[in-house]
Amino acid sequence: MTQKGYSTKGEGRGNGLHWVEQLLEKHSDMFHELTVEEEKVVQVLEVIIN
């Protein structure tokens, strides 16, 4: 699902989850949870501020 261009909604979509993965690789102060609930993708992104 996080592969660039992956989408079940059609062409020209599927970049958001890929961009989040790229961001997470650069920032260790972020927590990401991705689940599928009742055919919907639920994404939680938490940024830890010290």
Protein backbone atom coordinates (compact mmCIF):
# COMPACT_ATOMS: atom_id res chain seq x y z
CA MET A 1 0.00 0.00 0.00
CA THR A 2 2.85 2.39 0.60
CA GLN A 3 4.38 1.78 -2.83
CA LYS A 4 4.39 4.96 -4.93
CA GLY A 5 1.44 5.00 -7.30
CA TYR A 6 -0.48 2.18 -5.56
CA SER A 7 -4.19 2.95 -5.49
CA THR A 8 -7.50 1.16 -5.66
CA LYS A 9 -9.15 4.43 -6.76
CA GLY A 10 -7.63 4.79 -10.20
CA GLU A 11 -4.80 6.43 -12.08
CA GLY A 12 -3.01 9.53 -10.80
CA ARG A 13 -3.40 8.63 -7.13
CA GLY A 14 -1.55 6.63 -4.52
CA ASN A 15 1.21 8.98 -3.45
CA GLY A 16 0.15 10.00 0.07
CA LEU A 17 1.17 6.84 1.93
CA HIS A 18 4.42 6.70 -0.03
CA TRP A 19 5.26 10.28 0.99
CA VAL A 20 4.56 9.47 4.64
CA GLU A 21 6.97 6.52 4.48
CA GLN A 22 9.65 8.77 2.96
CA LEU A 23 9.10 11.32 5.74
CA LEU A 24 9.31 8.66 8.45
CA GLU A 25 12.67 7.47 7.14
CA LYS A 26 14.08 10.93 7.83
CA HIS A 27 12.45 11.62 11.21
CA SER A 28 12.79 9.28 14.19
CA ASP A 29 10.46 11.50 16.25
CA MET A 30 7.36 10.34 14.37
CA PHE A 31 5.12 7.34 14.93
CA HIS A 32 2.95 5.94 12.14
CA GLU A 33 0.15 3.41 12.37
CA LEU A 34 -1.71 2.15 9.32
CA THR A 35 -4.68 -0.20 9.53
CA VAL A 36 -7.59 -1.26 7.37
CA GLU A 37 -10.97 -1.17 9.10
CA GLU A 38 -14.23 -2.01 7.35
CA GLU A 39 -12.62 -1.55 3.91
CA LYS A 40 -11.22 1.89 4.89
CA VAL A 41 -7.59 2.79 5.39
CA VAL A 42 -7.01 4.45 8.76
CA GLN A 43 -3.76 6.30 9.22
CA VAL A 44 -2.43 7.82 12.45
CA LEU A 45 0.67 9.99 12.37
CA GLU A 46 2.03 11.16 15.72
CA VAL A 47 4.82 13.73 15.98
CA ILE A 48 6.72 13.69 19.26
CA ILE A 49 7.73 17.15 20.47
CA ASN A 50 10.32 17.38 23.22
